[in-house]
Amino acid sequence: MCDETLIVTDYGAVMMIDKEYWEEIQETLAERSDKKSLAALLEGHQLRDKGITPQGKTIDEVFNDL
């Protein structure tokens, strides 16, 4: 995430966004730029659309590198 973001409109108007909402936007953009994470997310949605519950992972599997 970036430390500072400047948003300028064509007419120099100020744009105000709630901090938490802005952080959610930043997280979404980061997720979309990570091809592996995005592919996993889309695969999960496709499986759910077909009525299939995706296989979950244990805490140890998710955080094995910590």
C-alpha atoms as a PDB file:
ATOM      1  CA  MET A   1       0.000   0.000   0.000  1.00  0.00           C
ATOM      2  CA  CYS A   2       1.138   3.501  -0.667  1.00  0.00           C
ATOM      3  CA  ASP A   3       1.769   5.974   2.117  1.00  0.00           C
ATOM      4  CA  GLU A   4       0.282   8.921   0.296  1.00  0.00           C
ATOM      5  CA  THR A   5      -2.344   9.144  -2.400  1.00  0.00           C
ATOM      6  CA  LEU A   6      -3.279  12.305  -4.241  1.00  0.00           C
ATOM      7  CA  ILE A   7      -6.589  12.399  -6.080  1.00  0.00           C
ATOM      8  CA  VAL A   8      -7.173  15.415  -8.308  1.00  0.00           C
ATOM      9  CA  THR A   9     -10.271  16.060 -10.373  1.00  0.00           C
ATOM     10  CA  ASP A  10     -10.314  18.084 -13.573  1.00  0.00           C
ATOM     11  CA  TYR A  11     -11.651  21.058 -11.652  1.00  0.00           C
ATOM     12  CA  GLY A  12      -9.402  20.736  -8.586  1.00  0.00           C
ATOM     13  CA  ALA A  13     -12.222  19.524  -6.342  1.00  0.00           C
ATOM     14  CA  VAL A  14     -11.407  17.772  -3.077  1.00  0.00           C
ATOM     15  CA  MET A  15     -12.393  14.141  -2.750  1.00  0.00           C
ATOM     16  CA  MET A  16     -12.979  12.757   0.744  1.00  0.00           C
ATOM     17  CA  ILE A  17     -13.181   9.038   1.512  1.00  0.00           C
ATOM     18  CA  ASP A  18     -13.474   7.294   4.854  1.00  0.00           C
ATOM     19  CA  LYS A  19     -10.051   5.920   5.879  1.00  0.00           C
ATOM     20  CA  GLU A  20     -11.308   2.364   6.389  1.00  0.00           C
ATOM     21  CA  TYR A  21     -13.088   2.403   3.019  1.00  0.00           C
ATOM     22  CA  TRP A  22      -9.923   3.679   1.318  1.00  0.00           C
ATOM     23  CA  GLU A  23      -7.908   0.869   2.937  1.00  0.00           C
ATOM     24  CA  GLU A  24     -10.467  -1.640   1.614  1.00  0.00           C
ATOM     25  CA  ILE A  25     -10.017  -0.204  -1.879  1.00  0.00           C
ATOM     26  CA  GLN A  26      -6.235  -0.489  -1.564  1.00  0.00           C
ATOM     27  CA  GLU A  27      -6.517  -4.118  -0.395  1.00  0.00           C
ATOM     28  CA  THR A  28      -8.814  -4.946  -3.312  1.00  0.00           C
ATOM     29  CA  LEU A  29      -6.379  -3.407  -5.787  1.00  0.00           C
ATOM     30  CA  ALA A  30      -3.503  -5.354  -4.245  1.00  0.00           C
ATOM     31  CA  GLU A  31      -5.514  -8.590  -4.443  1.00  0.00           C
ATOM     32  CA  ARG A  32      -6.368  -7.972  -8.091  1.00  0.00           C
ATOM     33  CA  SER A  33      -2.720  -7.346  -8.964  1.00  0.00           C
ATOM     34  CA  ASP A  34      -1.616 -10.667  -7.390  1.00  0.00           C
ATOM     35  CA  LYS A  35      -2.354 -13.182 -10.153  1.00  0.00           C
ATOM     36  CA  LYS A  36      -2.074 -16.245  -7.906  1.00  0.00           C
ATOM     37  CA  SER A  37      -4.465 -14.852  -5.279  1.00  0.00           C
ATOM     38  CA  LEU A  38      -6.911 -13.614  -7.902  1.00  0.00           C
ATOM     39  CA  ALA A  39      -6.933 -17.014  -9.633  1.00  0.00           C
ATOM     40  CA  ALA A  40      -7.619 -18.766  -6.313  1.00  0.00           C
ATOM     41  CA  LEU A  41     -10.432 -16.337  -5.506  1.00  0.00           C
ATOM     42  CA  LEU A  42     -12.076 -16.787  -8.908  1.00  0.00           C
ATOM     43  CA  GLU A  43     -11.726 -20.570  -8.705  1.00  0.00           C
ATOM     44  CA  GLY A  44     -13.460 -20.550  -5.319  1.00  0.00           C
ATOM     45  CA  HIS A  45     -16.346 -18.513  -6.723  1.00  0.00           C
ATOM     46  CA  GLN A  46     -16.695 -20.856  -9.702  1.00  0.00           C
ATOM     47  CA  LEU A  47     -16.798 -23.899  -7.428  1.00  0.00           C
ATOM     48  CA  ARG A  48     -19.421 -22.298  -5.183  1.00  0.00           C
ATOM     49  CA  ASP A  49     -21.508 -21.401  -8.244  1.00  0.00           C
ATOM     50  CA  LYS A  50     -21.500 -25.107  -9.121  1.00  0.00           C
ATOM     51  CA  GLY A  51     -22.578 -26.017  -5.578  1.00  0.00           C
ATOM     52  CA  ILE A  52     -19.167 -27.391  -4.647  1.00  0.00           C
ATOM     53  CA  THR A  53     -17.619 -26.420  -1.331  1.00  0.00           C
ATOM     54  CA  PRO A  54     -13.920 -25.712  -1.871  1.00  0.00           C
ATOM     55  CA  GLN A  55     -11.522 -27.751   0.251  1.00  0.00           C
ATOM     56  CA  GLY A  56     -10.280 -25.632   3.116  1.00  0.00           C
ATOM     57  CA  LYS A  57      -6.802 -25.489   4.605  1.00  0.00           C
ATOM     58  CA  THR A  58      -5.648 -25.839   8.179  1.00  0.00           C
ATOM     59  CA  ILE A  59      -4.008 -22.955  10.036  1.00  0.00           C
ATOM     60  CA  ASP A  60      -0.671 -24.773   9.763  1.00  0.00           C
ATOM     61  CA  GLU A  61      -1.024 -25.076   5.981  1.00  0.00           C
ATOM     62  CA  VAL A  62      -1.839 -21.399   5.597  1.00  0.00           C
ATOM     63  CA  PHE A  63       0.857 -20.093   7.949  1.00  0.00           C
ATOM     64  CA  ASN A  64       3.542 -22.730   7.388  1.00  0.00           C
ATOM     65  CA  ASP A  65       6.207 -20.129   6.600  1.00  0.00           C
ATOM     66  CA  LEU A  66       5.802 -18.115   9.806  1.00  0.00           C
END
